[in-house]
Every structure is written in structure tokens, then in C-alpha cells.
Amino acid sequence: MEGEKEVMYLAICNQIQIYSLLLEQEDLGEEDRGMANYIIQISNQLEEKLRLELGDKPISRPPWSKTE
């Protein structure tokens, strides 16, 4: 499906941001903090891989009526 990698890239970037914000919470337990760090680490690896695959081209916007 066209655009899948672009959407996955945006989702990974959002995930990194969300979990980074989660780590700023002082009341986060050690187990949750460890899991958040792990998710960020793996997400950063995925982000880099997808960024290299996609290159510097902008994400094209499909016609909104075609969401198949």
C-alpha cells in the first residue's frame, strides 16, 4: 500500500516523543522507566532505518477521498 512507510515513520516519531515526555514524569516507577527507555531505544533504531529508506523527499499527500 502506498504511503505505509511514511505513516509508519510519522508514528515512530510520535512514539519517541510520547515516551520521552513520559520519562519526564517524576512519579514513574523504575520498571516503567526501563520499559520506556527500551521502547525509545528500539524506536530510534526504527526511525533511523525508515529515514534512510525514505530519503529527503517530502511525504506526498494523497487525495483525501482515496483512503484505501
PDB file of N, CA and C in Angstrom:
ATOM      1  N   MET A   1       0.847  -1.179   0.000  1.00  0.00           N
ATOM      2  CA  MET A   1       0.000   0.000   0.000  1.00  0.00           C
ATOM      3  C   MET A   1       0.894   1.244   0.000  1.00  0.00           C
ATOM      4  N   GLU A   2       0.540   2.158  -0.847  1.00  0.00           N
ATOM      5  CA  GLU A   2       1.315   3.383  -0.968  1.00  0.00           C
ATOM      6  C   GLU A   2       1.183   4.234   0.293  1.00  0.00           C
ATOM      7  N   GLY A   3       2.297   4.745   0.760  1.00  0.00           N
ATOM      8  CA  GLY A   3       2.291   5.626   1.920  1.00  0.00           C
ATOM      9  C   GLY A   3       2.475   4.920   3.253  1.00  0.00           C
ATOM     10  N   GLU A   4       2.529   3.597   3.257  1.00  0.00           N
ATOM     11  CA  GLU A   4       2.661   2.868   4.525  1.00  0.00           C
ATOM     12  C   GLU A   4       3.924   3.251   5.283  1.00  0.00           C
ATOM     13  N   LYS A   5       5.038   3.285   4.581  1.00  0.00           N
ATOM     14  CA  LYS A   5       6.306   3.596   5.259  1.00  0.00           C
ATOM     15  C   LYS A   5       6.303   5.010   5.812  1.00  0.00           C
ATOM     16  N   GLU A   6       5.704   5.927   5.065  1.00  0.00           N
ATOM     17  CA  GLU A   6       5.645   7.309   5.536  1.00  0.00           C
ATOM     18  C   GLU A   6       4.826   7.425   6.817  1.00  0.00           C
ATOM     19  N   VAL A   7       3.690   6.715   6.854  1.00  0.00           N
ATOM     20  CA  VAL A   7       2.839   6.739   8.038  1.00  0.00           C
ATOM     21  C   VAL A   7       3.550   6.055   9.208  1.00  0.00           C
ATOM     22  N   MET A   8       4.231   4.952   8.927  1.00  0.00           N
ATOM     23  CA  MET A   8       4.988   4.273   9.983  1.00  0.00           C
ATOM     24  C   MET A   8       6.078   5.194  10.528  1.00  0.00           C
ATOM     25  N   TYR A   9       6.736   5.947   9.654  1.00  0.00           N
ATOM     26  CA  TYR A   9       7.772   6.871  10.091  1.00  0.00           C
ATOM     27  C   TYR A   9       7.198   7.929  11.025  1.00  0.00           C
ATOM     28  N   LEU A  10       6.077   8.513  10.633  1.00  0.00           N
ATOM     29  CA  LEU A  10       5.442   9.533  11.477  1.00  0.00           C
ATOM     30  C   LEU A  10       5.001   8.941  12.814  1.00  0.00           C
ATOM     31  N   ALA A  11       4.468   7.724  12.789  1.00  0.00           N
ATOM     32  CA  ALA A  11       4.024   7.070  14.022  1.00  0.00           C
ATOM     33  C   ALA A  11       5.210   6.800  14.951  1.00  0.00           C
ATOM     34  N   ILE A  12       6.319   6.359  14.412  1.00  0.00           N
ATOM     35  CA  ILE A  12       7.520   6.100  15.214  1.00  0.00           C
ATOM     36  C   ILE A  12       8.028   7.404  15.823  1.00  0.00           C
ATOM     37  N   CYS A  13       8.042   8.470  15.042  1.00  0.00           N
ATOM     38  CA  CYS A  13       8.490   9.766  15.569  1.00  0.00           C
ATOM     39  C   CYS A  13       7.582  10.231  16.708  1.00  0.00           C
ATOM     40  N   ASN A  14       6.281  10.049  16.542  1.00  0.00           N
ATOM     41  CA  ASN A  14       5.335  10.408  17.605  1.00  0.00           C
ATOM     42  C   ASN A  14       5.558   9.553  18.840  1.00  0.00           C
ATOM     43  N   GLN A  15       5.806   8.270  18.633  1.00  0.00           N
ATOM     44  CA  GLN A  15       6.040   7.364  19.755  1.00  0.00           C
ATOM     45  C   GLN A  15       7.275   7.778  20.551  1.00  0.00           C
ATOM     46  N   ILE A  16       8.328   8.149  19.864  1.00  0.00           N
ATOM     47  CA  ILE A  16       9.554   8.608  20.533  1.00  0.00           C
ATOM     48  C   ILE A  16       9.247   9.835  21.383  1.00  0.00           C
ATOM     49  N   GLN A  17       8.493  10.759  20.814  1.00  0.00           N
ATOM     50  CA  GLN A  17       8.156  11.983  21.538  1.00  0.00           C
ATOM     51  C   GLN A  17       7.291  11.680  22.765  1.00  0.00           C
ATOM     52  N   ILE A  18       6.302  10.820  22.614  1.00  0.00           N
ATOM     53  CA  ILE A  18       5.404  10.484  23.722  1.00  0.00           C
ATOM     54  C   ILE A  18       6.168   9.820  24.863  1.00  0.00           C
ATOM     55  N   TYR A  19       7.006   8.840  24.544  1.00  0.00           N
ATOM     56  CA  TYR A  19       7.733   8.145  25.596  1.00  0.00           C
ATOM     57  C   TYR A  19       8.814   9.021  26.217  1.00  0.00           C
ATOM     58  N   SER A  20       9.360   9.948  25.450  1.00  0.00           N
ATOM     59  CA  SER A  20      10.325  10.893  26.021  1.00  0.00           C
ATOM     60  C   SER A  20       9.637  11.797  27.042  1.00  0.00           C
ATOM     61  N   LEU A  21       8.434  12.225  26.715  1.00  0.00           N
ATOM     62  CA  LEU A  21       7.662  13.038  27.669  1.00  0.00           C
ATOM     63  C   LEU A  21       7.293  12.220  28.902  1.00  0.00           C
ATOM     64  N   LEU A  22       6.985  10.959  28.710  1.00  0.00           N
ATOM     65  CA  LEU A  22       6.654  10.077  29.823  1.00  0.00           C
ATOM     66  C   LEU A  22       7.818   9.981  30.807  1.00  0.00           C
ATOM     67  N   LEU A  23       9.041   9.937  30.284  1.00  0.00           N
ATOM     68  CA  LEU A  23      10.216   9.838  31.147  1.00  0.00           C
ATOM     69  C   LEU A  23      10.417  11.075  32.017  1.00  0.00           C
ATOM     70  N   GLU A  24       9.816  12.185  31.642  1.00  0.00           N
ATOM     71  CA  GLU A  24       9.941  13.411  32.435  1.00  0.00           C
ATOM     72  C   GLU A  24       9.089  13.372  33.707  1.00  0.00           C
ATOM     73  N   GLN A  25       8.177  12.425  33.779  1.00  0.00           N
ATOM     74  CA  GLN A  25       7.327  12.312  34.962  1.00  0.00           C
ATOM     75  C   GLN A  25       8.134  11.748  36.127  1.00  0.00           C
ATOM     76  N   GLU A  26       8.112  12.467  37.232  1.00  0.00           N
ATOM     77  CA  GLU A  26       8.901  12.064  38.395  1.00  0.00           C
ATOM     78  C   GLU A  26       8.334  10.836  39.091  1.00  0.00           C
ATOM     79  N   ASP A  27       7.043  10.633  39.008  1.00  0.00           N
ATOM     80  CA  ASP A  27       6.424   9.517  39.727  1.00  0.00           C
ATOM     81  C   ASP A  27       6.433   8.201  38.944  1.00  0.00           C
ATOM     82  N   LEU A  28       7.166   8.147  37.870  1.00  0.00           N
ATOM     83  CA  LEU A  28       7.253   6.939  37.052  1.00  0.00           C
ATOM     84  C   LEU A  28       8.138   5.912  37.754  1.00  0.00           C
ATOM     85  N   GLY A  29       7.637   4.698  37.917  1.00  0.00           N
ATOM     86  CA  GLY A  29       8.383   3.637  38.583  1.00  0.00           C
ATOM     87  C   GLY A  29       9.582   3.177  37.761  1.00  0.00           C
ATOM     88  N   GLU A  30      10.496   2.494  38.426  1.00  0.00           N
ATOM     89  CA  GLU A  30      11.721   2.041  37.759  1.00  0.00           C
ATOM     90  C   GLU A  30      11.433   1.055  36.619  1.00  0.00           C
ATOM     91  N   GLU A  31      10.475   0.146  36.840  1.00  0.00           N
ATOM     92  CA  GLU A  31      10.146  -0.823  35.785  1.00  0.00           C
ATOM     93  C   GLU A  31       9.554  -0.106  34.570  1.00  0.00           C
ATOM     94  N   ASP A  32       8.643   0.829  34.812  1.00  0.00           N
ATOM     95  CA  ASP A  32       8.047   1.594  33.717  1.00  0.00           C
ATOM     96  C   ASP A  32       9.086   2.472  33.028  1.00  0.00           C
ATOM     97  N   ARG A  33       9.991   3.039  33.802  1.00  0.00           N
ATOM     98  CA  ARG A  33      11.059   3.868  33.244  1.00  0.00           C
ATOM     99  C   ARG A  33      11.967   3.024  32.342  1.00  0.00           C
ATOM    100  N   GLY A  34      12.286   1.815  32.799  1.00  0.00           N
ATOM    101  CA  GLY A  34      13.111   0.917  31.999  1.00  0.00           C
ATOM    102  C   GLY A  34      12.430   0.536  30.696  1.00  0.00           C
ATOM    103  N   MET A  35      11.122   0.235  30.765  1.00  0.00           N
ATOM    104  CA  MET A  35      10.374  -0.114  29.558  1.00  0.00           C
ATOM    105  C   MET A  35      10.311   1.066  28.596  1.00  0.00           C
ATOM    106  N   ALA A  36      10.079   2.263  29.113  1.00  0.00           N
ATOM    107  CA  ALA A  36      10.028   3.455  28.269  1.00  0.00           C
ATOM    108  C   ALA A  36      11.368   3.682  27.582  1.00  0.00           C
ATOM    109  N   ASN A  37      12.465   3.528  28.316  1.00  0.00           N
ATOM    110  CA  ASN A  37      13.790   3.674  27.710  1.00  0.00           C
ATOM    111  C   ASN A  37      14.026   2.643  26.622  1.00  0.00           C
ATOM    112  N   TYR A  38      13.584   1.409  26.869  1.00  0.00           N
ATOM    113  CA  TYR A  38      13.740   0.348  25.876  1.00  0.00           C
ATOM    114  C   TYR A  38      12.943   0.676  24.609  1.00  0.00           C
ATOM    115  N   ILE A  39      11.702   1.123  24.782  1.00  0.00           N
ATOM    116  CA  ILE A  39      10.861   1.467  23.635  1.00  0.00           C
ATOM    117  C   ILE A  39      11.479   2.617  22.846  1.00  0.00           C
ATOM    118  N   ILE A  40      12.016   3.606  23.538  1.00  0.00           N
ATOM    119  CA  ILE A  40      12.672   4.728  22.862  1.00  0.00           C
ATOM    120  C   ILE A  40      13.895   4.242  22.085  1.00  0.00           C
ATOM    121  N   GLN A  41      14.683   3.378  22.686  1.00  0.00           N
ATOM    122  CA  GLN A  41      15.888   2.864  22.030  1.00  0.00           C
ATOM    123  C   GLN A  41      15.534   2.131  20.727  1.00  0.00           C
ATOM    124  N   ILE A  42      14.581   1.211  20.787  1.00  0.00           N
ATOM    125  CA  ILE A  42      14.179   0.460  19.604  1.00  0.00           C
ATOM    126  C   ILE A  42      13.510   1.378  18.580  1.00  0.00           C
ATOM    127  N   SER A  43      12.696   2.306  19.053  1.00  0.00           N
ATOM    128  CA  SER A  43      12.024   3.251  18.158  1.00  0.00           C
ATOM    129  C   SER A  43      13.025   4.142  17.436  1.00  0.00           C
ATOM    130  N   ASN A  44      14.081   4.555  18.118  1.00  0.00           N
ATOM    131  CA  ASN A  44      15.119   5.356  17.469  1.00  0.00           C
ATOM    132  C   ASN A  44      15.801   4.571  16.356  1.00  0.00           C
ATOM    133  N   GLN A  45      16.023   3.285  16.583  1.00  0.00           N
ATOM    134  CA  GLN A  45      16.625   2.441  15.542  1.00  0.00           C
ATOM    135  C   GLN A  45      15.696   2.323  14.329  1.00  0.00           C
ATOM    136  N   LEU A  46      14.399   2.123  14.606  1.00  0.00           N
ATOM    137  CA  LEU A  46      13.424   2.041  13.516  1.00  0.00           C
ATOM    138  C   LEU A  46      13.306   3.362  12.771  1.00  0.00           C
ATOM    139  N   GLU A  47      13.316   4.463  13.515  1.00  0.00           N
ATOM    140  CA  GLU A  47      13.223   5.791  12.890  1.00  0.00           C
ATOM    141  C   GLU A  47      14.389   6.010  11.942  1.00  0.00           C
ATOM    142  N   GLU A  48      15.581   5.666  12.384  1.00  0.00           N
ATOM    143  CA  GLU A  48      16.759   5.858  11.538  1.00  0.00           C
ATOM    144  C   GLU A  48      16.673   5.001  10.279  1.00  0.00           C
ATOM    145  N   LYS A  49      16.262   3.750  10.435  1.00  0.00           N
ATOM    146  CA  LYS A  49      16.132   2.850   9.292  1.00  0.00           C
ATOM    147  C   LYS A  49      15.119   3.386   8.283  1.00  0.00           C
ATOM    148  N   LEU A  50      13.953   3.800   8.773  1.00  0.00           N
ATOM    149  CA  LEU A  50      12.931   4.336   7.872  1.00  0.00           C
ATOM    150  C   LEU A  50      13.364   5.652   7.239  1.00  0.00           C
ATOM    151  N   ARG A  51      14.035   6.509   8.008  1.00  0.00           N
ATOM    152  CA  ARG A  51      14.510   7.791   7.468  1.00  0.00           C
ATOM    153  C   ARG A  51      15.467   7.568   6.315  1.00  0.00           C
ATOM    154  N   LEU A  52      16.363   6.581   6.461  1.00  0.00           N
ATOM    155  CA  LEU A  52      17.315   6.284   5.396  1.00  0.00           C
ATOM    156  C   LEU A  52      16.614   5.711   4.166  1.00  0.00           C
ATOM    157  N   GLU A  53      15.592   4.895   4.381  1.00  0.00           N
ATOM    158  CA  GLU A  53      14.829   4.323   3.269  1.00  0.00           C
ATOM    159  C   GLU A  53      14.031   5.392   2.529  1.00  0.00           C
ATOM    160  N   LEU A  54      13.452   6.323   3.272  1.00  0.00           N
ATOM    161  CA  LEU A  54      12.605   7.340   2.666  1.00  0.00           C
ATOM    162  C   LEU A  54      13.399   8.464   2.025  1.00  0.00           C
ATOM    163  N   GLY A  55      14.597   8.712   2.518  1.00  0.00           N
ATOM    164  CA  GLY A  55      15.410   9.785   1.971  1.00  0.00           C
ATOM    165  C   GLY A  55      14.890  11.153   2.347  1.00  0.00           C
ATOM    166  N   ASP A  56      15.278  12.156   1.598  1.00  0.00           N
ATOM    167  CA  ASP A  56      14.915  13.542   1.890  1.00  0.00           C
ATOM    168  C   ASP A  56      13.669  14.018   1.162  1.00  0.00           C
ATOM    169  N   LYS A  57      12.995  13.115   0.476  1.00  0.00           N
ATOM    170  CA  LYS A  57      11.797  13.545  -0.261  1.00  0.00           C
ATOM    171  C   LYS A  57      10.650  13.816   0.717  1.00  0.00           C
ATOM    172  N   PRO A  58       9.856  14.832   0.437  1.00  0.00           N
ATOM    173  CA  PRO A  58       8.725  15.133   1.325  1.00  0.00           C
ATOM    174  C   PRO A  58       7.655  14.053   1.200  1.00  0.00           C
ATOM    175  N   ILE A  59       6.870  13.919   2.233  1.00  0.00           N
ATOM    176  CA  ILE A  59       5.780  12.960   2.217  1.00  0.00           C
ATOM    177  C   ILE A  59       4.659  13.537   1.354  1.00  0.00           C
ATOM    178  N   SER A  60       4.264  12.773   0.342  1.00  0.00           N
ATOM    179  CA  SER A  60       3.210  13.260  -0.550  1.00  0.00           C
ATOM    180  C   SER A  60       1.845  13.066   0.090  1.00  0.00           C
ATOM    181  N   ARG A  61       0.961  13.989  -0.195  1.00  0.00           N
ATOM    182  CA  ARG A  61      -0.393  13.921   0.356  1.00  0.00           C
ATOM    183  C   ARG A  61      -1.311  13.273  -0.673  1.00  0.00           C
ATOM    184  N   PRO A  62      -1.892  12.154  -0.304  1.00  0.00           N
ATOM    185  CA  PRO A  62      -2.830  11.512  -1.236  1.00  0.00           C
ATOM    186  C   PRO A  62      -4.150  12.257  -1.241  1.00  0.00           C
ATOM    187  N   PRO A  63      -4.939  12.056  -2.277  1.00  0.00           N
ATOM    188  CA  PRO A  63      -6.291  12.660  -2.242  1.00  0.00           C
ATOM    189  C   PRO A  63      -7.049  12.098  -1.041  1.00  0.00           C
ATOM    190  N   TRP A  64      -7.694  12.949  -0.269  1.00  0.00           N
ATOM    191  CA  TRP A  64      -8.359  12.517   0.952  1.00  0.00           C
ATOM    192  C   TRP A  64      -9.501  11.572   0.691  1.00  0.00           C
ATOM    193  N   SER A  65     -10.055  11.608  -0.495  1.00  0.00           N
ATOM    194  CA  SER A  65     -11.175  10.719  -0.816  1.00  0.00           C
ATOM    195  C   SER A  65     -10.707   9.290  -1.088  1.00  0.00           C
ATOM    196  N   LYS A  66      -9.425   9.092  -1.288  1.00  0.00           N
ATOM    197  CA  LYS A  66      -8.874   7.756  -1.548  1.00  0.00           C
ATOM    198  C   LYS A  66      -8.067   7.307  -0.335  1.00  0.00           C
ATOM    199  N   THR A  67      -8.700   6.702   0.636  1.00  0.00           N
ATOM    200  CA  THR A  67      -8.028   6.251   1.855  1.00  0.00           C
ATOM    201  C   THR A  67      -7.911   4.741   1.891  1.00  0.00           C
ATOM    202  N   GLU A  68      -8.014   4.084   0.772  1.00  0.00           N
ATOM    203  CA  GLU A  68      -7.937   2.612   0.720  1.00  0.00           C
ATOM    204  C   GLU A  68      -6.527   2.145   0.930  1.00  0.00           C
TER     205      GLU A  68
END
